[in-house]
Amino acid sequence: MSPKERRDQALVAIFHALIDLMQHQEMTTISVTKLCQKAGVSQTYYYKHFTTYAEIIDQYEMLSIVNYMRGLPNSTKLEMPTMMTHYFELVANHHEEQLVLLETGNEQPLIRGFETAFQYLVQADKIYQGPGSNTTQRYWGGFLAGAVINTSLRWVQNEMTETPAYMGQLIADFLKIESGGKR
């Protein structure tokens, strides 16, 4: 296993331990010792990589969003329904964690992670942008991230009765972006 794979594995372990502990107690009352024991990592690892528990959540969400981007189709330009469908598949695979983050008021890392990924995809010219597209507007990434994350969290709260493909198309419809980039 490479050093990066070991780091990622330790991050996943400490994140899952934190989520589990957050289900039973306030984050401010969780000790580093208890967290590290539950995760199977050393306290040295914790202090070397994090200064707060929020950093664990942020780093895990960034790892998740990087993995999401790696899983996107390798086409020249992504259309909004496809991009959103893949995002809702990610949400479905991590819905329990996301629900805990929502219930404990820690949804901001989800928004930051999505916005970062979206901005990267726009800058890399990976997203289809039709005439009059707003993606380069200063606040567009933040707007879209907040809207998508709030919608995905509501979907999780409603037990994900719709498919990720349905939700992906719904977001595209909300934005008036259809397959082929038609408005």
N, C-alpha and C. Protein backbone atom coordinates (compact mmCIF):
# COMPACT_ATOMS: atom_id res chain seq x y z
N MET A 1 0.85 -1.18 0.00
CA MET A 1 0.00 0.00 0.00
C MET A 1 0.89 1.24 0.00
N SER A 2 0.57 2.18 -0.85
CA SER A 2 1.37 3.41 -0.95
C SER A 2 1.11 4.31 0.26
N PRO A 3 2.02 5.25 0.52
CA PRO A 3 1.81 6.19 1.63
C PRO A 3 0.50 6.97 1.50
N LYS A 4 0.15 7.37 0.26
CA LYS A 4 -1.11 8.10 0.06
C LYS A 4 -2.31 7.22 0.39
N GLU A 5 -2.27 5.96 -0.01
CA GLU A 5 -3.36 5.04 0.30
C GLU A 5 -3.49 4.85 1.81
N ARG A 6 -2.37 4.77 2.51
CA ARG A 6 -2.41 4.64 3.98
C ARG A 6 -2.99 5.89 4.62
N ARG A 7 -2.59 7.08 4.11
CA ARG A 7 -3.14 8.34 4.64
C ARG A 7 -4.65 8.41 4.41
N ASP A 8 -5.06 8.05 3.19
CA ASP A 8 -6.49 8.07 2.88
C ASP A 8 -7.25 7.08 3.76
N GLN A 9 -6.69 5.91 3.97
CA GLN A 9 -7.32 4.89 4.80
C GLN A 9 -7.46 5.38 6.25
N ALA A 10 -6.42 6.05 6.76
CA ALA A 10 -6.48 6.58 8.12
C ALA A 10 -7.51 7.71 8.21
N LEU A 11 -7.58 8.56 7.18
CA LEU A 11 -8.57 9.64 7.15
C LEU A 11 -9.98 9.08 7.16
N VAL A 12 -10.23 8.07 6.36
CA VAL A 12 -11.55 7.44 6.31
C VAL A 12 -11.89 6.84 7.68
N ALA A 13 -10.92 6.20 8.30
CA ALA A 13 -11.16 5.57 9.61
C ALA A 13 -11.48 6.61 10.68
N ILE A 14 -10.72 7.69 10.72
CA ILE A 14 -10.96 8.70 11.76
C ILE A 14 -12.26 9.46 11.49
N PHE A 15 -12.60 9.66 10.22
CA PHE A 15 -13.86 10.31 9.89
C PHE A 15 -15.04 9.44 10.34
N HIS A 16 -14.99 8.16 10.00
CA HIS A 16 -16.09 7.26 10.38
C HIS A 16 -16.21 7.14 11.90
N ALA A 17 -15.09 7.13 12.59
CA ALA A 17 -15.12 7.10 14.05
C ALA A 17 -15.77 8.37 14.59
N LEU A 18 -15.41 9.51 14.01
CA LEU A 18 -15.99 10.78 14.44
C LEU A 18 -17.50 10.80 14.19
N ILE A 19 -17.93 10.37 13.03
CA ILE A 19 -19.36 10.33 12.71
C ILE A 19 -20.09 9.43 13.71
N ASP A 20 -19.51 8.27 14.00
CA ASP A 20 -20.13 7.36 14.96
C ASP A 20 -20.25 7.99 16.33
N LEU A 21 -19.20 8.63 16.79
CA LEU A 21 -19.24 9.29 18.11
C LEU A 21 -20.20 10.47 18.13
N MET A 22 -20.29 11.20 17.01
CA MET A 22 -21.19 12.35 16.94
C MET A 22 -22.66 11.94 17.03
N GLN A 23 -22.96 10.69 16.75
CA GLN A 23 -24.33 10.22 16.86
C GLN A 23 -24.75 10.08 18.32
N HIS A 24 -23.76 10.02 19.21
CA HIS A 24 -24.05 9.76 20.62
C HIS A 24 -23.67 10.90 21.56
N GLN A 25 -22.84 11.81 21.08
CA GLN A 25 -22.44 12.92 21.94
C GLN A 25 -22.05 14.14 21.12
N GLU A 26 -22.06 15.28 21.78
CA GLU A 26 -21.67 16.53 21.12
C GLU A 26 -20.21 16.43 20.69
N MET A 27 -19.91 17.01 19.55
CA MET A 27 -18.54 16.96 19.04
C MET A 27 -17.56 17.58 20.03
N THR A 28 -17.98 18.62 20.73
CA THR A 28 -17.08 19.30 21.68
C THR A 28 -16.73 18.45 22.89
N THR A 29 -17.50 17.38 23.13
CA THR A 29 -17.21 16.52 24.29
C THR A 29 -16.44 15.26 23.92
N ILE A 30 -16.11 15.09 22.65
CA ILE A 30 -15.37 13.91 22.20
C ILE A 30 -13.89 14.14 22.44
N SER A 31 -13.26 13.25 23.15
CA SER A 31 -11.82 13.40 23.41
C SER A 31 -11.01 12.86 22.24
N VAL A 32 -9.83 13.43 22.05
CA VAL A 32 -8.93 12.96 21.00
C VAL A 32 -8.56 11.50 21.27
N THR A 33 -8.33 11.17 22.53
CA THR A 33 -7.97 9.79 22.90
C THR A 33 -9.07 8.82 22.47
N LYS A 34 -10.30 9.13 22.82
CA LYS A 34 -11.41 8.25 22.47
C LYS A 34 -11.58 8.13 20.96
N LEU A 35 -11.47 9.26 20.26
CA LEU A 35 -11.60 9.26 18.81
C LEU A 35 -10.52 8.39 18.15
N CYS A 36 -9.28 8.58 18.58
CA CYS A 36 -8.18 7.83 17.98
C CYS A 36 -8.28 6.33 18.29
N GLN A 37 -8.69 6.01 19.52
CA GLN A 37 -8.88 4.59 19.86
C GLN A 37 -9.94 3.97 18.96
N LYS A 38 -11.05 4.65 18.81
CA LYS A 38 -12.15 4.13 17.99
C LYS A 38 -11.72 3.98 16.52
N ALA A 39 -10.90 4.91 16.04
CA ALA A 39 -10.47 4.89 14.64
C ALA A 39 -9.30 3.92 14.40
N GLY A 40 -8.62 3.55 15.48
CA GLY A 40 -7.46 2.69 15.32
C GLY A 40 -6.26 3.44 14.76
N VAL A 41 -6.17 4.72 15.10
CA VAL A 41 -5.02 5.54 14.68
C VAL A 41 -4.37 6.13 15.92
N SER A 42 -3.13 6.56 15.78
CA SER A 42 -2.43 7.13 16.92
C SER A 42 -2.81 8.59 17.13
N GLN A 43 -2.60 9.06 18.35
CA GLN A 43 -2.82 10.48 18.61
C GLN A 43 -1.80 11.32 17.85
N THR A 44 -0.63 10.76 17.63
CA THR A 44 0.37 11.46 16.83
C THR A 44 -0.18 11.73 15.43
N TYR A 45 -0.85 10.73 14.85
CA TYR A 45 -1.47 10.92 13.54
C TYR A 45 -2.45 12.08 13.60
N TYR A 46 -3.30 12.10 14.61
CA TYR A 46 -4.29 13.17 14.72
C TYR A 46 -3.60 14.52 14.78
N TYR A 47 -2.66 14.69 15.71
CA TYR A 47 -2.03 16.00 15.89
C TYR A 47 -1.15 16.41 14.71
N LYS A 48 -0.66 15.46 13.95
CA LYS A 48 0.14 15.77 12.78
C LYS A 48 -0.73 16.29 11.63
N HIS A 49 -1.97 15.81 11.53
CA HIS A 49 -2.81 16.12 10.38
C HIS A 49 -3.98 17.07 10.65
N PHE A 50 -4.35 17.23 11.91
CA PHE A 50 -5.54 18.03 12.22
C PHE A 50 -5.31 18.90 13.45
N THR A 51 -5.99 20.02 13.49
CA THR A 51 -6.02 20.83 14.70
C THR A 51 -7.43 20.87 15.29
N THR A 52 -8.43 20.53 14.46
CA THR A 52 -9.81 20.49 14.94
C THR A 52 -10.53 19.31 14.31
N TYR A 53 -11.64 18.93 14.89
CA TYR A 53 -12.46 17.87 14.31
C TYR A 53 -13.08 18.32 13.00
N ALA A 54 -13.34 19.61 12.88
CA ALA A 54 -13.89 20.14 11.63
C ALA A 54 -12.93 19.88 10.47
N GLU A 55 -11.64 19.90 10.73
CA GLU A 55 -10.66 19.62 9.68
C GLU A 55 -10.76 18.17 9.19
N ILE A 56 -11.11 17.27 10.08
CA ILE A 56 -11.31 15.87 9.67
C ILE A 56 -12.46 15.81 8.67
N ILE A 57 -13.55 16.48 9.01
CA ILE A 57 -14.73 16.49 8.13
C ILE A 57 -14.37 17.13 6.80
N ASP A 58 -13.70 18.28 6.84
CA ASP A 58 -13.31 18.97 5.61
C ASP A 58 -12.43 18.09 4.72
N GLN A 59 -11.42 17.48 5.32
CA GLN A 59 -10.50 16.67 4.52
C GLN A 59 -11.19 15.43 3.96
N TYR A 60 -12.07 14.83 4.75
CA TYR A 60 -12.80 13.66 4.25
C TYR A 60 -13.72 14.05 3.10
N GLU A 61 -14.43 15.17 3.24
CA GLU A 61 -15.32 15.61 2.18
C GLU A 61 -14.55 15.94 0.91
N MET A 62 -13.36 16.51 1.04
CA MET A 62 -12.54 16.78 -0.14
C MET A 62 -12.09 15.48 -0.79
N LEU A 63 -11.72 14.49 0.02
CA LEU A 63 -11.36 13.18 -0.53
C LEU A 63 -12.55 12.57 -1.26
N SER A 64 -13.73 12.67 -0.68
CA SER A 64 -14.94 12.14 -1.32
C SER A 64 -15.22 12.82 -2.64
N ILE A 65 -15.07 14.14 -2.68
CA ILE A 65 -15.39 14.88 -3.89
C ILE A 65 -14.33 14.62 -4.97
N VAL A 66 -13.09 14.42 -4.58
CA VAL A 66 -12.05 14.04 -5.55
C VAL A 66 -12.39 12.68 -6.15
N ASN A 67 -12.79 11.74 -5.31
CA ASN A 67 -13.20 10.42 -5.81
C ASN A 67 -14.43 10.54 -6.72
N TYR A 68 -15.34 11.44 -6.38
CA TYR A 68 -16.51 11.71 -7.22
C TYR A 68 -16.06 12.18 -8.60
N MET A 69 -15.13 13.14 -8.62
CA MET A 69 -14.68 13.67 -9.91
C MET A 69 -13.97 12.60 -10.73
N ARG A 70 -13.23 11.73 -10.07
CA ARG A 70 -12.56 10.63 -10.79
C ARG A 70 -13.57 9.66 -11.39
N GLY A 71 -14.74 9.57 -10.80
CA GLY A 71 -15.77 8.66 -11.29
C GLY A 71 -16.66 9.24 -12.38
N LEU A 72 -16.48 10.52 -12.69
CA LEU A 72 -17.29 11.14 -13.74
C LEU A 72 -16.89 10.58 -15.11
N PRO A 73 -17.83 10.53 -16.04
CA PRO A 73 -17.48 10.05 -17.38
C PRO A 73 -16.34 10.88 -17.97
N ASN A 74 -15.48 10.23 -18.67
CA ASN A 74 -14.32 10.89 -19.23
C ASN A 74 -14.64 11.48 -20.61
N SER A 75 -15.73 12.19 -20.67
CA SER A 75 -16.11 12.82 -21.94
C SER A 75 -15.53 14.23 -21.99
N THR A 76 -15.58 14.81 -23.17
CA THR A 76 -15.03 16.14 -23.34
C THR A 76 -15.75 17.15 -22.45
N LYS A 77 -17.08 17.13 -22.49
CA LYS A 77 -17.89 18.08 -21.71
C LYS A 77 -18.99 17.32 -20.98
N LEU A 78 -19.13 17.60 -19.72
CA LEU A 78 -20.20 17.00 -18.93
C LEU A 78 -21.45 17.85 -19.04
N GLU A 79 -22.57 17.19 -19.19
CA GLU A 79 -23.84 17.90 -19.16
C GLU A 79 -24.37 17.85 -17.74
N MET A 80 -25.13 18.85 -17.37
CA MET A 80 -25.60 18.98 -15.99
C MET A 80 -26.33 17.73 -15.48
N PRO A 81 -27.25 17.13 -16.24
CA PRO A 81 -27.94 15.95 -15.70
C PRO A 81 -26.96 14.82 -15.34
N THR A 82 -25.96 14.61 -16.17
CA THR A 82 -24.97 13.56 -15.91
C THR A 82 -24.16 13.88 -14.66
N MET A 83 -23.67 15.10 -14.59
CA MET A 83 -22.87 15.51 -13.44
C MET A 83 -23.67 15.38 -12.14
N MET A 84 -24.92 15.82 -12.17
CA MET A 84 -25.75 15.77 -10.97
C MET A 84 -26.16 14.34 -10.62
N THR A 85 -26.41 13.51 -11.61
CA THR A 85 -26.74 12.11 -11.34
C THR A 85 -25.60 11.44 -10.60
N HIS A 86 -24.39 11.68 -11.06
CA HIS A 86 -23.22 11.09 -10.37
C HIS A 86 -23.09 11.64 -8.95
N TYR A 87 -23.41 12.93 -8.78
CA TYR A 87 -23.34 13.49 -7.43
C TYR A 87 -24.38 12.83 -6.51
N PHE A 88 -25.58 12.64 -7.00
CA PHE A 88 -26.61 12.01 -6.17
C PHE A 88 -26.30 10.54 -5.90
N GLU A 89 -25.57 9.89 -6.78
CA GLU A 89 -25.10 8.53 -6.50
C GLU A 89 -24.10 8.55 -5.34
N LEU A 90 -23.21 9.55 -5.34
CA LEU A 90 -22.27 9.73 -4.22
C LEU A 90 -23.04 9.94 -2.92
N VAL A 91 -24.04 10.81 -2.96
CA VAL A 91 -24.86 11.08 -1.77
C VAL A 91 -25.53 9.81 -1.28
N ALA A 92 -26.09 9.04 -2.20
CA ALA A 92 -26.77 7.80 -1.81
C ALA A 92 -25.79 6.85 -1.11
N ASN A 93 -24.56 6.81 -1.58
CA ASN A 93 -23.56 5.92 -0.97
C ASN A 93 -23.07 6.41 0.39
N HIS A 94 -23.28 7.70 0.68
CA HIS A 94 -22.81 8.28 1.94
C HIS A 94 -23.94 8.94 2.71
N HIS A 95 -25.17 8.49 2.49
CA HIS A 95 -26.32 9.19 3.07
C HIS A 95 -26.33 9.19 4.59
N GLU A 96 -25.90 8.13 5.23
CA GLU A 96 -25.92 8.09 6.70
C GLU A 96 -24.98 9.13 7.28
N GLU A 97 -23.80 9.24 6.71
CA GLU A 97 -22.83 10.24 7.17
C GLU A 97 -23.39 11.65 6.96
N GLN A 98 -23.97 11.88 5.79
CA GLN A 98 -24.48 13.21 5.49
C GLN A 98 -25.62 13.59 6.42
N LEU A 99 -26.43 12.61 6.78
CA LEU A 99 -27.53 12.88 7.72
C LEU A 99 -26.98 13.28 9.08
N VAL A 100 -25.94 12.61 9.54
CA VAL A 100 -25.31 12.97 10.83
C VAL A 100 -24.74 14.38 10.74
N LEU A 101 -24.07 14.70 9.64
CA LEU A 101 -23.53 16.05 9.50
C LEU A 101 -24.64 17.09 9.53
N LEU A 102 -25.74 16.82 8.86
CA LEU A 102 -26.87 17.74 8.87
C LEU A 102 -27.45 17.89 10.28
N GLU A 103 -27.68 16.78 10.94
CA GLU A 103 -28.30 16.80 12.27
C GLU A 103 -27.42 17.48 13.31
N THR A 104 -26.12 17.54 13.07
CA THR A 104 -25.20 18.17 14.02
C THR A 104 -24.74 19.54 13.56
N GLY A 105 -25.37 20.06 12.49
CA GLY A 105 -25.04 21.40 12.01
C GLY A 105 -23.69 21.50 11.33
N ASN A 106 -23.23 20.41 10.73
CA ASN A 106 -21.92 20.39 10.09
C ASN A 106 -22.02 20.16 8.58
N GLU A 107 -22.98 20.81 7.93
CA GLU A 107 -23.15 20.61 6.49
C GLU A 107 -22.27 21.53 5.64
N GLN A 108 -21.64 22.52 6.24
CA GLN A 108 -20.80 23.44 5.46
C GLN A 108 -19.67 22.75 4.69
N PRO A 109 -19.02 21.72 5.25
CA PRO A 109 -17.99 21.04 4.45
C PRO A 109 -18.55 20.40 3.17
N LEU A 110 -19.79 19.97 3.20
CA LEU A 110 -20.42 19.43 1.99
C LEU A 110 -20.53 20.52 0.93
N ILE A 111 -20.94 21.70 1.36
CA ILE A 111 -21.09 22.82 0.44
C ILE A 111 -19.73 23.24 -0.11
N ARG A 112 -18.74 23.37 0.77
CA ARG A 112 -17.40 23.77 0.31
C ARG A 112 -16.82 22.74 -0.67
N GLY A 113 -16.99 21.47 -0.36
CA GLY A 113 -16.47 20.43 -1.24
C GLY A 113 -17.11 20.46 -2.61
N PHE A 114 -18.43 20.59 -2.64
CA PHE A 114 -19.13 20.66 -3.93
C PHE A 114 -18.71 21.89 -4.71
N GLU A 115 -18.64 23.03 -4.04
CA GLU A 115 -18.27 24.26 -4.73
C GLU A 115 -16.85 24.16 -5.30
N THR A 116 -15.94 23.60 -4.54
CA THR A 116 -14.56 23.43 -5.01
C THR A 116 -14.52 22.55 -6.25
N ALA A 117 -15.25 21.43 -6.21
CA ALA A 117 -15.27 20.52 -7.36
C ALA A 117 -15.89 21.20 -8.58
N PHE A 118 -16.99 21.91 -8.37
CA PHE A 118 -17.66 22.57 -9.47
C PHE A 118 -16.73 23.62 -10.10
N GLN A 119 -16.09 24.42 -9.27
CA GLN A 119 -15.19 25.45 -9.79
C GLN A 119 -14.04 24.82 -10.56
N TYR A 120 -13.52 23.71 -10.06
CA TYR A 120 -12.46 23.01 -10.78
C TYR A 120 -12.95 22.56 -12.16
N LEU A 121 -14.13 21.96 -12.20
CA LEU A 121 -14.68 21.46 -13.47
C LEU A 121 -14.93 22.60 -14.45
N VAL A 122 -15.38 23.75 -13.95
CA VAL A 122 -15.59 24.91 -14.82
C VAL A 122 -14.25 25.41 -15.36
N GLN A 123 -13.26 25.56 -14.47
CA GLN A 123 -11.95 26.06 -14.90
C GLN A 123 -11.26 25.10 -15.87
N ALA A 124 -11.50 23.80 -15.67
CA ALA A 124 -10.91 22.80 -16.57
C ALA A 124 -11.72 22.64 -17.85
N ASP A 125 -12.78 23.44 -17.98
CA ASP A 125 -13.65 23.42 -19.16
C ASP A 125 -14.24 22.03 -19.39
N LYS A 126 -14.70 21.39 -18.30
CA LYS A 126 -15.27 20.04 -18.36
C LYS A 126 -16.79 20.04 -18.34
N ILE A 127 -17.41 21.21 -18.16
CA ILE A 127 -18.86 21.29 -18.06
C ILE A 127 -19.40 21.99 -19.30
N TYR A 128 -20.42 21.38 -19.91
CA TYR A 128 -21.05 22.02 -21.05
C TYR A 128 -21.68 23.33 -20.58
N GLN A 129 -21.35 24.41 -21.26
CA GLN A 129 -21.90 25.71 -20.93
C GLN A 129 -22.55 26.30 -22.18
N GLY A 130 -23.85 26.30 -22.16
CA GLY A 130 -24.58 26.82 -23.30
C GLY A 130 -24.52 28.33 -23.36
N PRO A 131 -25.15 28.89 -24.40
CA PRO A 131 -25.20 30.35 -24.53
C PRO A 131 -25.83 30.98 -23.30
N GLY A 132 -25.25 32.05 -22.82
CA GLY A 132 -25.80 32.74 -21.66
C GLY A 132 -25.55 32.03 -20.34
N SER A 133 -24.62 31.09 -20.32
CA SER A 133 -24.33 30.33 -19.11
C SER A 133 -23.87 31.25 -17.98
N ASN A 134 -24.26 30.92 -16.77
CA ASN A 134 -23.90 31.71 -15.59
C ASN A 134 -22.68 31.17 -14.86
N THR A 135 -22.08 30.09 -15.33
CA THR A 135 -21.06 29.40 -14.54
C THR A 135 -19.83 30.23 -14.24
N THR A 136 -19.59 31.28 -15.00
CA THR A 136 -18.43 32.12 -14.72
C THR A 136 -18.76 33.31 -13.82
N GLN A 137 -20.02 33.47 -13.48
CA GLN A 137 -20.40 34.55 -12.58
C GLN A 137 -19.78 34.33 -11.20
N ARG A 138 -19.42 35.37 -10.54
CA ARG A 138 -18.71 35.33 -9.27
C ARG A 138 -19.37 34.45 -8.21
N TYR A 139 -20.69 34.49 -8.10
CA TYR A 139 -21.38 33.79 -7.02
C TYR A 139 -22.06 32.50 -7.47
N TRP A 140 -21.91 32.14 -8.72
CA TRP A 140 -22.62 30.99 -9.27
C TRP A 140 -22.25 29.69 -8.54
N GLY A 141 -20.97 29.45 -8.32
CA GLY A 141 -20.53 28.22 -7.66
C GLY A 141 -21.13 28.08 -6.26
N GLY A 142 -21.13 29.16 -5.51
CA GLY A 142 -21.70 29.14 -4.16
C GLY A 142 -23.20 28.92 -4.19
N PHE A 143 -23.86 29.59 -5.12
CA PHE A 143 -25.30 29.41 -5.28
C PHE A 143 -25.63 27.96 -5.60
N LEU A 144 -24.96 27.42 -6.62
CA LEU A 144 -25.24 26.06 -7.04
C LEU A 144 -24.92 25.06 -5.94
N ALA A 145 -23.78 25.24 -5.26
CA ALA A 145 -23.40 24.32 -4.19
C ALA A 145 -24.45 24.32 -3.09
N GLY A 146 -24.89 25.50 -2.65
CA GLY A 146 -25.90 25.57 -1.60
C GLY A 146 -27.21 24.93 -2.04
N ALA A 147 -27.61 25.19 -3.28
CA ALA A 147 -28.87 24.63 -3.78
C ALA A 147 -28.79 23.11 -3.90
N VAL A 148 -27.71 22.60 -4.46
CA VAL A 148 -27.57 21.16 -4.66
C VAL A 148 -27.45 20.44 -3.31
N ILE A 149 -26.64 20.97 -2.42
CA ILE A 149 -26.46 20.31 -1.12
C ILE A 149 -27.76 20.34 -0.33
N ASN A 150 -28.45 21.46 -0.30
CA ASN A 150 -29.73 21.51 0.41
C ASN A 150 -30.74 20.55 -0.19
N THR A 151 -30.77 20.45 -1.51
CA THR A 151 -31.68 19.52 -2.17
C THR A 151 -31.29 18.08 -1.85
N SER A 152 -30.00 17.78 -1.89
CA SER A 152 -29.56 16.40 -1.61
C SER A 152 -29.83 16.02 -0.16
N LEU A 153 -29.65 16.96 0.75
CA LEU A 153 -29.94 16.65 2.16
C LEU A 153 -31.44 16.44 2.39
N ARG A 154 -32.26 17.22 1.72
CA ARG A 154 -33.71 17.02 1.81
C ARG A 154 -34.08 15.66 1.24
N TRP A 155 -33.44 15.28 0.13
CA TRP A 155 -33.66 13.97 -0.49
C TRP A 155 -33.30 12.85 0.48
N VAL A 156 -32.18 13.00 1.16
CA VAL A 156 -31.77 12.00 2.16
C VAL A 156 -32.78 11.94 3.30
N GLN A 157 -33.21 13.10 3.78
CA GLN A 157 -34.22 13.13 4.85
C GLN A 157 -35.52 12.46 4.43
N ASN A 158 -35.85 12.55 3.14
CA ASN A 158 -37.07 11.93 2.62
C ASN A 158 -36.83 10.49 2.16
N GLU A 159 -35.76 9.90 2.64
CA GLU A 159 -35.44 8.48 2.43
C GLU A 159 -35.13 8.12 0.99
N MET A 160 -34.69 9.08 0.20
CA MET A 160 -34.19 8.85 -1.16
C MET A 160 -35.14 8.01 -2.00
N THR A 161 -36.40 8.38 -2.01
CA THR A 161 -37.39 7.60 -2.76
C THR A 161 -37.22 7.74 -4.27
N GLU A 162 -36.65 8.86 -4.72
CA GLU A 162 -36.39 9.04 -6.15
C GLU A 162 -34.99 8.50 -6.47
N THR A 163 -34.77 8.19 -7.73
CA THR A 163 -33.45 7.68 -8.15
C THR A 163 -32.46 8.84 -8.28
N PRO A 164 -31.16 8.54 -8.20
CA PRO A 164 -30.17 9.59 -8.47
C PRO A 164 -30.33 10.21 -9.86
N ALA A 165 -30.70 9.41 -10.86
CA ALA A 165 -30.91 9.94 -12.21
C ALA A 165 -32.08 10.94 -12.22
N TYR A 166 -33.14 10.62 -11.51
CA TYR A 166 -34.28 11.54 -11.43
C TYR A 166 -33.83 12.85 -10.77
N MET A 167 -33.08 12.73 -9.67
CA MET A 167 -32.64 13.94 -8.96
C MET A 167 -31.67 14.76 -9.81
N GLY A 168 -30.79 14.07 -10.56
CA GLY A 168 -29.87 14.78 -11.44
C GLY A 168 -30.61 15.57 -12.50
N GLN A 169 -31.62 14.96 -13.08
CA GLN A 169 -32.41 15.66 -14.09
C GLN A 169 -33.22 16.79 -13.45
N LEU A 170 -33.71 16.57 -12.24
CA LEU A 170 -34.48 17.59 -11.53
C LEU A 170 -33.63 18.85 -11.31
N ILE A 171 -32.39 18.66 -10.86
CA ILE A 171 -31.51 19.81 -10.66
C ILE A 171 -31.29 20.53 -12.00
N ALA A 172 -31.03 19.76 -13.05
CA ALA A 172 -30.84 20.37 -14.36
C ALA A 172 -32.09 21.13 -14.79
N ASP A 173 -33.27 20.56 -14.52
CA ASP A 173 -34.52 21.24 -14.86
C ASP A 173 -34.67 22.53 -14.05
N PHE A 174 -34.30 22.47 -12.76
CA PHE A 174 -34.36 23.68 -11.94
C PHE A 174 -33.48 24.77 -12.54
N LEU A 175 -32.36 24.36 -13.11
CA LEU A 175 -31.43 25.31 -13.68
C LEU A 175 -31.74 25.62 -15.15
N LYS A 176 -32.76 24.95 -15.68
CA LYS A 176 -33.15 25.10 -17.08
C LYS A 176 -32.06 24.67 -18.02
N ILE A 177 -31.35 23.62 -17.62
CA ILE A 177 -30.31 23.06 -18.47
C ILE A 177 -30.69 21.62 -18.74
N GLU A 178 -30.89 21.28 -19.99
CA GLU A 178 -31.28 19.94 -20.38
C GLU A 178 -30.14 19.27 -21.13
N SER A 179 -30.30 17.99 -21.41
CA SER A 179 -29.32 17.30 -22.23
C SER A 179 -29.14 18.04 -23.54
N GLY A 180 -27.92 18.14 -23.99
CA GLY A 180 -27.63 18.89 -25.20
C GLY A 180 -27.44 20.37 -24.94
N GLY A 181 -27.58 20.78 -23.68
CA GLY A 181 -27.36 22.18 -23.33
C GLY A 181 -28.47 23.12 -23.72
N LYS A 182 -29.64 22.61 -24.04
CA LYS A 182 -30.75 23.48 -24.45
C LYS A 182 -31.32 24.19 -23.24
N ARG A 183 -31.74 25.42 -23.44
CA ARG A 183 -32.37 26.19 -22.37
C ARG A 183 -33.83 26.32 -22.66
